[in-house]
């Protein structure tokens, strides 16, 4: 008689096979590769992967009143180039705003645009005015000092300036590189699942120095799928 699966309730998949699948997920294998190695159908693996991604989304922290040193930046995901479209927010792309508290974690949010109104509404809602705020020279960050962020420091990438003492946005930029490299393996992510993949990338980056397999086992033991 097959024992109950402690990590995936009401499942016909044995716990041993599920743990193997979870190890492959932790290693960031695609659903097709995982299906081949586990003997499960691609459909079954995709269903479990989708459940796992929804769980990672639920586990993603939402910051409030970040203090200390914080890095802010925005990035664009989607086609490399769209003819006739230039500048920030070029057509067809998904815009993501990212915050990183040094010594803490990355938090991302999909935004409709990179206007001053949009970005500063998030900044004022999630960052303590006493924080050391680091940004690039984008005009969406203009006027932060005027609304109380006296410790706003900028690096001017357009002037080949990337680090000015403690003022830089190196970590949030490294997250963008990490997330885009990850997403390339999918050869295009549908818009309706983009948030799940984004938050999975965020989770992986935030726990990059941990054993992801053991962490997932622990979390799923507490809250099974």
C-alpha atoms as a PDB file:
ATOM      1  CA  UNK A   1       0.000   0.000   0.000  1.00  0.00           C
ATOM      2  CA  UNK A   2       1.378   3.406  -1.014  1.00  0.00           C
ATOM      3  CA  UNK A   3       2.054   5.739   1.887  1.00  0.00           C
ATOM      4  CA  UNK A   4       0.518   9.220   1.919  1.00  0.00           C
ATOM      5  CA  UNK A   5       2.419  12.026   0.247  1.00  0.00           C
ATOM      6  CA  UNK A   6       3.116  14.567   2.993  1.00  0.00           C
ATOM      7  CA  UNK A   7       4.062  17.288   0.519  1.00  0.00           C
ATOM      8  CA  UNK A   8       1.310  16.955  -2.087  1.00  0.00           C
ATOM      9  CA  UNK A   9      -2.065  16.036  -0.634  1.00  0.00           C
ATOM     10  CA  UNK A  10      -4.599  13.947  -2.565  1.00  0.00           C
ATOM     11  CA  UNK A  11      -1.896  12.993  -5.051  1.00  0.00           C
ATOM     12  CA  UNK A  12      -1.471   9.695  -6.876  1.00  0.00           C
ATOM     13  CA  UNK A  13       2.257  10.402  -7.076  1.00  0.00           C
ATOM     14  CA  UNK A  14       4.323   8.696  -4.400  1.00  0.00           C
ATOM     15  CA  UNK A  15       6.239  10.842  -1.955  1.00  0.00           C
ATOM     16  CA  UNK A  16       9.528   9.364  -3.200  1.00  0.00           C
ATOM     17  CA  UNK A  17       8.775  10.381  -6.803  1.00  0.00           C
ATOM     18  CA  UNK A  18       7.462  13.777  -5.724  1.00  0.00           C
ATOM     19  CA  UNK A  19      10.651  14.473  -3.777  1.00  0.00           C
ATOM     20  CA  UNK A  20      12.666  13.561  -6.870  1.00  0.00           C
ATOM     21  CA  UNK A  21      10.533  15.908  -8.957  1.00  0.00           C
ATOM     22  CA  UNK A  22      10.986  18.659  -6.370  1.00  0.00           C
ATOM     23  CA  UNK A  23      14.763  18.185  -6.481  1.00  0.00           C
ATOM     24  CA  UNK A  24      14.666  18.638 -10.265  1.00  0.00           C
ATOM     25  CA  UNK A  25      12.475  21.731  -9.880  1.00  0.00           C
ATOM     26  CA  UNK A  26      14.994  23.125  -7.383  1.00  0.00           C
ATOM     27  CA  UNK A  27      17.722  22.532  -9.977  1.00  0.00           C
ATOM     28  CA  UNK A  28      15.591  24.600 -12.415  1.00  0.00           C
ATOM     29  CA  UNK A  29      15.040  21.837 -14.971  1.00  0.00           C
ATOM     30  CA  UNK A  30      12.297  22.363 -17.527  1.00  0.00           C
ATOM     31  CA  UNK A  31       9.046  20.421 -17.279  1.00  0.00           C
ATOM     32  CA  UNK A  32       9.951  18.331 -20.336  1.00  0.00           C
ATOM     33  CA  UNK A  33      13.330  17.320 -18.873  1.00  0.00           C
ATOM     34  CA  UNK A  34      11.717  16.546 -15.517  1.00  0.00           C
ATOM     35  CA  UNK A  35       9.042  14.439 -17.225  1.00  0.00           C
ATOM     36  CA  UNK A  36      11.718  12.451 -19.046  1.00  0.00           C
ATOM     37  CA  UNK A  37      13.687  11.801 -15.846  1.00  0.00           C
ATOM     38  CA  UNK A  38      10.704  10.972 -13.612  1.00  0.00           C
ATOM     39  CA  UNK A  39       8.635   9.007 -16.092  1.00  0.00           C
ATOM     40  CA  UNK A  40       5.655  11.315 -15.498  1.00  0.00           C
ATOM     41  CA  UNK A  41       3.773  12.974 -18.344  1.00  0.00           C
ATOM     42  CA  UNK A  42       4.718  16.516 -19.320  1.00  0.00           C
ATOM     43  CA  UNK A  43       1.132  17.500 -18.499  1.00  0.00           C
ATOM     44  CA  UNK A  44       1.418  16.098 -14.953  1.00  0.00           C
ATOM     45  CA  UNK A  45       4.753  17.832 -14.384  1.00  0.00           C
ATOM     46  CA  UNK A  46       3.429  21.127 -15.740  1.00  0.00           C
ATOM     47  CA  UNK A  47       0.479  20.907 -13.361  1.00  0.00           C
ATOM     48  CA  UNK A  48       2.779  20.407 -10.370  1.00  0.00           C
ATOM     49  CA  UNK A  49       5.166  23.120 -11.548  1.00  0.00           C
ATOM     50  CA  UNK A  50       2.218  25.504 -11.837  1.00  0.00           C
ATOM     51  CA  UNK A  51       1.105  24.666  -8.298  1.00  0.00           C
ATOM     52  CA  UNK A  52       4.643  25.202  -7.022  1.00  0.00           C
ATOM     53  CA  UNK A  53       4.877  28.580  -8.749  1.00  0.00           C
ATOM     54  CA  UNK A  54       1.578  29.690  -7.246  1.00  0.00           C
ATOM     55  CA  UNK A  55       2.929  28.666  -3.853  1.00  0.00           C
ATOM     56  CA  UNK A  56       6.155  30.659  -4.416  1.00  0.00           C
ATOM     57  CA  UNK A  57       3.998  33.655  -5.315  1.00  0.00           C
ATOM     58  CA  UNK A  58       2.112  33.266  -2.027  1.00  0.00           C
ATOM     59  CA  UNK A  59       5.404  33.036  -0.116  1.00  0.00           C
ATOM     60  CA  UNK A  60       6.825  36.197  -1.706  1.00  0.00           C
ATOM     61  CA  UNK A  61       7.240  38.916   0.924  1.00  0.00           C
ATOM     62  CA  UNK A  62       5.601  42.304   0.423  1.00  0.00           C
ATOM     63  CA  UNK A  63       7.786  44.939   2.084  1.00  0.00           C
ATOM     64  CA  UNK A  64       6.486  47.824   4.144  1.00  0.00           C
ATOM     65  CA  UNK A  65       8.571  50.766   5.330  1.00  0.00           C
ATOM     66  CA  UNK A  66      11.950  49.502   4.128  1.00  0.00           C
ATOM     67  CA  UNK A  67      14.781  51.281   5.897  1.00  0.00           C
ATOM     68  CA  UNK A  68      18.583  51.246   5.653  1.00  0.00           C
ATOM     69  CA  UNK A  69      20.104  51.286   2.169  1.00  0.00           C
ATOM     70  CA  UNK A  70      17.667  50.493  -0.640  1.00  0.00           C
ATOM     71  CA  UNK A  71      18.325  50.072  -4.366  1.00  0.00           C
ATOM     72  CA  UNK A  72      15.575  50.888  -6.876  1.00  0.00           C
ATOM     73  CA  UNK A  73      15.448  50.209 -10.586  1.00  0.00           C
ATOM     74  CA  UNK A  74      13.050  49.291 -13.354  1.00  0.00           C
ATOM     75  CA  UNK A  75      13.498  46.811 -16.180  1.00  0.00           C
ATOM     76  CA  UNK A  76      11.745  45.636 -19.330  1.00  0.00           C
ATOM     77  CA  UNK A  77      10.929  42.050 -20.210  1.00  0.00           C
ATOM     78  CA  UNK A  78       9.844  40.837 -23.610  1.00  0.00           C
ATOM     79  CA  UNK A  79      10.965  41.103 -27.242  1.00  0.00           C
ATOM     80  CA  UNK A  80      14.522  42.313 -27.663  1.00  0.00           C
ATOM     81  CA  UNK A  81      13.497  44.916 -30.180  1.00  0.00           C
ATOM     82  CA  UNK A  82      10.231  46.256 -31.531  1.00  0.00           C
ATOM     83  CA  UNK A  83      10.547  48.228 -34.776  1.00  0.00           C
ATOM     84  CA  UNK A  84       9.459  51.828 -34.536  1.00  0.00           C
ATOM     85  CA  UNK A  85       9.422  51.859 -30.754  1.00  0.00           C
ATOM     86  CA  UNK A  86      12.178  53.538 -28.782  1.00  0.00           C
ATOM     87  CA  UNK A  87      12.882  54.616 -25.218  1.00  0.00           C
ATOM     88  CA  UNK A  88      11.700  53.372 -21.849  1.00  0.00           C
ATOM     89  CA  UNK A  89       8.531  51.353 -22.045  1.00  0.00           C
ATOM     90  CA  UNK A  90       9.122  50.350 -25.680  1.00  0.00           C
ATOM     91  CA  UNK A  91       6.041  48.576 -27.056  1.00  0.00           C
ATOM     92  CA  UNK A  92       5.304  44.943 -26.331  1.00  0.00           C
ATOM     93  CA  UNK A  93       7.354  44.776 -23.141  1.00  0.00           C
ATOM     94  CA  UNK A  94       6.316  44.074 -19.563  1.00  0.00           C
ATOM     95  CA  UNK A  95       7.670  46.700 -17.166  1.00  0.00           C
ATOM     96  CA  UNK A  96       8.879  45.602 -13.757  1.00  0.00           C
ATOM     97  CA  UNK A  97       9.880  47.823 -10.843  1.00  0.00           C
ATOM     98  CA  UNK A  98      12.349  46.349  -8.366  1.00  0.00           C
ATOM     99  CA  UNK A  99      13.398  47.210  -4.806  1.00  0.00           C
ATOM    100  CA  UNK A 100      16.334  45.689  -2.946  1.00  0.00           C
ATOM    101  CA  UNK A 101      17.111  46.310   0.706  1.00  0.00           C
ATOM    102  CA  UNK A 102      20.806  45.705   1.228  1.00  0.00           C
ATOM    103  CA  UNK A 103      21.253  42.775   3.558  1.00  0.00           C
ATOM    104  CA  UNK A 104      17.672  41.764   2.748  1.00  0.00           C
ATOM    105  CA  UNK A 105      15.671  40.666  -0.270  1.00  0.00           C
ATOM    106  CA  UNK A 106      14.574  41.742  -3.717  1.00  0.00           C
ATOM    107  CA  UNK A 107      10.909  42.647  -4.227  1.00  0.00           C
ATOM    108  CA  UNK A 108       9.399  43.156  -7.680  1.00  0.00           C
ATOM    109  CA  UNK A 109       6.156  44.595  -8.956  1.00  0.00           C
ATOM    110  CA  UNK A 110       4.722  44.765 -12.478  1.00  0.00           C
ATOM    111  CA  UNK A 111       3.875  48.385 -13.331  1.00  0.00           C
ATOM    112  CA  UNK A 112       1.946  49.993 -16.214  1.00  0.00           C
ATOM    113  CA  UNK A 113       4.644  52.598 -16.898  1.00  0.00           C
ATOM    114  CA  UNK A 114       7.763  54.236 -15.461  1.00  0.00           C
ATOM    115  CA  UNK A 115       6.282  57.635 -14.831  1.00  0.00           C
ATOM    116  CA  UNK A 116       7.171  59.669 -11.776  1.00  0.00           C
ATOM    117  CA  UNK A 117       3.611  59.250 -10.490  1.00  0.00           C
ATOM    118  CA  UNK A 118       3.677  55.440 -10.763  1.00  0.00           C
ATOM    119  CA  UNK A 119       7.144  54.854  -9.326  1.00  0.00           C
ATOM    120  CA  UNK A 120       6.885  57.354  -6.495  1.00  0.00           C
ATOM    121  CA  UNK A 121       3.529  55.991  -5.345  1.00  0.00           C
ATOM    122  CA  UNK A 122       5.254  52.636  -4.742  1.00  0.00           C
ATOM    123  CA  UNK A 123       8.343  54.248  -3.194  1.00  0.00           C
ATOM    124  CA  UNK A 124       6.295  56.322  -0.755  1.00  0.00           C
ATOM    125  CA  UNK A 125       4.227  53.291   0.214  1.00  0.00           C
ATOM    126  CA  UNK A 126       7.079  50.869   0.785  1.00  0.00           C
ATOM    127  CA  UNK A 127      10.180  52.831   1.820  1.00  0.00           C
ATOM    128  CA  UNK A 128      10.889  54.748   5.007  1.00  0.00           C
ATOM    129  CA  UNK A 129      11.747  58.393   4.281  1.00  0.00           C
ATOM    130  CA  UNK A 130      14.881  57.971   6.425  1.00  0.00           C
ATOM    131  CA  UNK A 131      16.220  55.247   4.099  1.00  0.00           C
ATOM    132  CA  UNK A 132      19.254  55.745   1.866  1.00  0.00           C
ATOM    133  CA  UNK A 133      17.639  55.505  -1.573  1.00  0.00           C
ATOM    134  CA  UNK A 134      19.850  54.612  -4.549  1.00  0.00           C
ATOM    135  CA  UNK A 135      18.626  55.023  -8.128  1.00  0.00           C
ATOM    136  CA  UNK A 136      19.911  55.763 -11.594  1.00  0.00           C
ATOM    137  CA  UNK A 137      19.270  59.078 -13.330  1.00  0.00           C
ATOM    138  CA  UNK A 138      15.817  58.303 -14.738  1.00  0.00           C
ATOM    139  CA  UNK A 139      13.468  61.281 -14.470  1.00  0.00           C
ATOM    140  CA  UNK A 140      10.838  59.135 -12.749  1.00  0.00           C
ATOM    141  CA  UNK A 141      12.951  59.518  -9.603  1.00  0.00           C
ATOM    142  CA  UNK A 142      13.101  63.323  -9.818  1.00  0.00           C
ATOM    143  CA  UNK A 143      11.751  65.129  -6.782  1.00  0.00           C
ATOM    144  CA  UNK A 144      12.206  62.379  -4.160  1.00  0.00           C
ATOM    145  CA  UNK A 145      14.037  64.836  -1.929  1.00  0.00           C
ATOM    146  CA  UNK A 146      11.065  67.202  -2.205  1.00  0.00           C
ATOM    147  CA  UNK A 147       8.747  64.571  -0.695  1.00  0.00           C
ATOM    148  CA  UNK A 148      11.043  63.794   2.240  1.00  0.00           C
ATOM    149  CA  UNK A 149      13.648  61.362   0.914  1.00  0.00           C
ATOM    150  CA  UNK A 150      16.638  63.518   1.866  1.00  0.00           C
ATOM    151  CA  UNK A 151      19.111  60.664   1.361  1.00  0.00           C
ATOM    152  CA  UNK A 152      18.490  60.101  -2.338  1.00  0.00           C
ATOM    153  CA  UNK A 153      21.660  59.226  -4.266  1.00  0.00           C
ATOM    154  CA  UNK A 154      21.917  58.709  -8.013  1.00  0.00           C
ATOM    155  CA  UNK A 155      24.339  57.027 -10.370  1.00  0.00           C
ATOM    156  CA  UNK A 156      24.300  58.505 -13.854  1.00  0.00           C
ATOM    157  CA  UNK A 157      24.639  55.564 -16.231  1.00  0.00           C
ATOM    158  CA  UNK A 158      24.380  57.905 -19.190  1.00  0.00           C
ATOM    159  CA  UNK A 159      27.607  59.519 -18.013  1.00  0.00           C
ATOM    160  CA  UNK A 160      29.328  56.127 -17.525  1.00  0.00           C
ATOM    161  CA  UNK A 161      28.879  56.396 -13.772  1.00  0.00           C
ATOM    162  CA  UNK A 162      28.003  53.100 -12.090  1.00  0.00           C
ATOM    163  CA  UNK A 163      29.353  53.336  -8.539  1.00  0.00           C
ATOM    164  CA  UNK A 164      29.824  56.392  -6.352  1.00  0.00           C
ATOM    165  CA  UNK A 165      31.078  55.186  -2.986  1.00  0.00           C
ATOM    166  CA  UNK A 166      28.177  53.391  -1.327  1.00  0.00           C
ATOM    167  CA  UNK A 167      25.837  54.722  -3.997  1.00  0.00           C
ATOM    168  CA  UNK A 168      25.052  52.066  -6.612  1.00  0.00           C
ATOM    169  CA  UNK A 169      22.270  49.770  -7.814  1.00  0.00           C
ATOM    170  CA  UNK A 170      24.496  46.772  -8.563  1.00  0.00           C
ATOM    171  CA  UNK A 171      22.428  44.123  -6.774  1.00  0.00           C
ATOM    172  CA  UNK A 172      19.047  44.978  -8.268  1.00  0.00           C
ATOM    173  CA  UNK A 173      20.748  45.098 -11.679  1.00  0.00           C
ATOM    174  CA  UNK A 174      22.274  41.674 -11.052  1.00  0.00           C
ATOM    175  CA  UNK A 175      18.774  40.413 -10.287  1.00  0.00           C
ATOM    176  CA  UNK A 176      17.529  41.632 -13.682  1.00  0.00           C
ATOM    177  CA  UNK A 177      20.367  39.742 -15.378  1.00  0.00           C
ATOM    178  CA  UNK A 178      19.583  36.611 -13.362  1.00  0.00           C
ATOM    179  CA  UNK A 179      15.839  36.743 -14.099  1.00  0.00           C
ATOM    180  CA  UNK A 180      16.269  37.361 -17.829  1.00  0.00           C
ATOM    181  CA  UNK A 181      18.822  34.565 -18.180  1.00  0.00           C
ATOM    182  CA  UNK A 182      16.397  32.193 -16.406  1.00  0.00           C
ATOM    183  CA  UNK A 183      13.435  33.149 -18.568  1.00  0.00           C
ATOM    184  CA  UNK A 184      15.366  32.607 -21.799  1.00  0.00           C
ATOM    185  CA  UNK A 185      15.105  28.835 -21.312  1.00  0.00           C
ATOM    186  CA  UNK A 186      11.320  29.080 -21.795  1.00  0.00           C
ATOM    187  CA  UNK A 187      11.694  30.783 -25.201  1.00  0.00           C
ATOM    188  CA  UNK A 188       8.941  33.226 -24.356  1.00  0.00           C
ATOM    189  CA  UNK A 189       6.630  33.382 -21.349  1.00  0.00           C
ATOM    190  CA  UNK A 190       2.888  34.092 -21.851  1.00  0.00           C
ATOM    191  CA  UNK A 191       1.718  37.310 -20.218  1.00  0.00           C
ATOM    192  CA  UNK A 192      -0.811  35.466 -18.033  1.00  0.00           C
ATOM    193  CA  UNK A 193       1.967  33.401 -16.390  1.00  0.00           C
ATOM    194  CA  UNK A 194       4.708  36.050 -16.423  1.00  0.00           C
ATOM    195  CA  UNK A 195       4.074  37.097 -12.802  1.00  0.00           C
ATOM    196  CA  UNK A 196       4.525  33.492 -11.628  1.00  0.00           C
ATOM    197  CA  UNK A 197       7.865  33.195 -13.430  1.00  0.00           C
ATOM    198  CA  UNK A 198       8.954  36.606 -12.164  1.00  0.00           C
ATOM    199  CA  UNK A 199       8.173  35.699  -8.552  1.00  0.00           C
ATOM    200  CA  UNK A 200       9.875  32.325  -8.977  1.00  0.00           C
ATOM    201  CA  UNK A 201      13.000  34.157 -10.153  1.00  0.00           C
ATOM    202  CA  UNK A 202      12.688  36.510  -7.183  1.00  0.00           C
ATOM    203  CA  UNK A 203      12.393  33.556  -4.775  1.00  0.00           C
ATOM    204  CA  UNK A 204      15.386  31.776  -6.309  1.00  0.00           C
ATOM    205  CA  UNK A 205      17.506  34.939  -6.184  1.00  0.00           C
ATOM    206  CA  UNK A 206      16.555  35.730  -2.593  1.00  0.00           C
ATOM    207  CA  UNK A 207      17.499  32.210  -1.499  1.00  0.00           C
ATOM    208  CA  UNK A 208      20.472  31.739  -3.825  1.00  0.00           C
ATOM    209  CA  UNK A 209      22.853  30.902  -0.977  1.00  0.00           C
ATOM    210  CA  UNK A 210      20.548  28.236   0.481  1.00  0.00           C
ATOM    211  CA  UNK A 211      19.788  24.632  -0.473  1.00  0.00           C
ATOM    212  CA  UNK A 212      16.598  25.316  -2.405  1.00  0.00           C
ATOM    213  CA  UNK A 213      15.472  21.682  -2.344  1.00  0.00           C
ATOM    214  CA  UNK A 214      15.669  21.463   1.451  1.00  0.00           C
ATOM    215  CA  UNK A 215      13.969  24.848   1.805  1.00  0.00           C
ATOM    216  CA  UNK A 216      11.073  23.779  -0.446  1.00  0.00           C
ATOM    217  CA  UNK A 217      10.703  20.494   1.464  1.00  0.00           C
ATOM    218  CA  UNK A 218      10.499  22.416   4.726  1.00  0.00           C
ATOM    219  CA  UNK A 219       7.943  24.909   3.403  1.00  0.00           C
ATOM    220  CA  UNK A 220       5.794  22.230   1.789  1.00  0.00           C
ATOM    221  CA  UNK A 221       5.871  20.112   4.928  1.00  0.00           C
ATOM    222  CA  UNK A 222       4.307  23.084   6.708  1.00  0.00           C
ATOM    223  CA  UNK A 223       1.887  23.870   3.861  1.00  0.00           C
ATOM    224  CA  UNK A 224       1.425  20.932   1.474  1.00  0.00           C
ATOM    225  CA  UNK A 225       0.238  21.521  -2.094  1.00  0.00           C
END
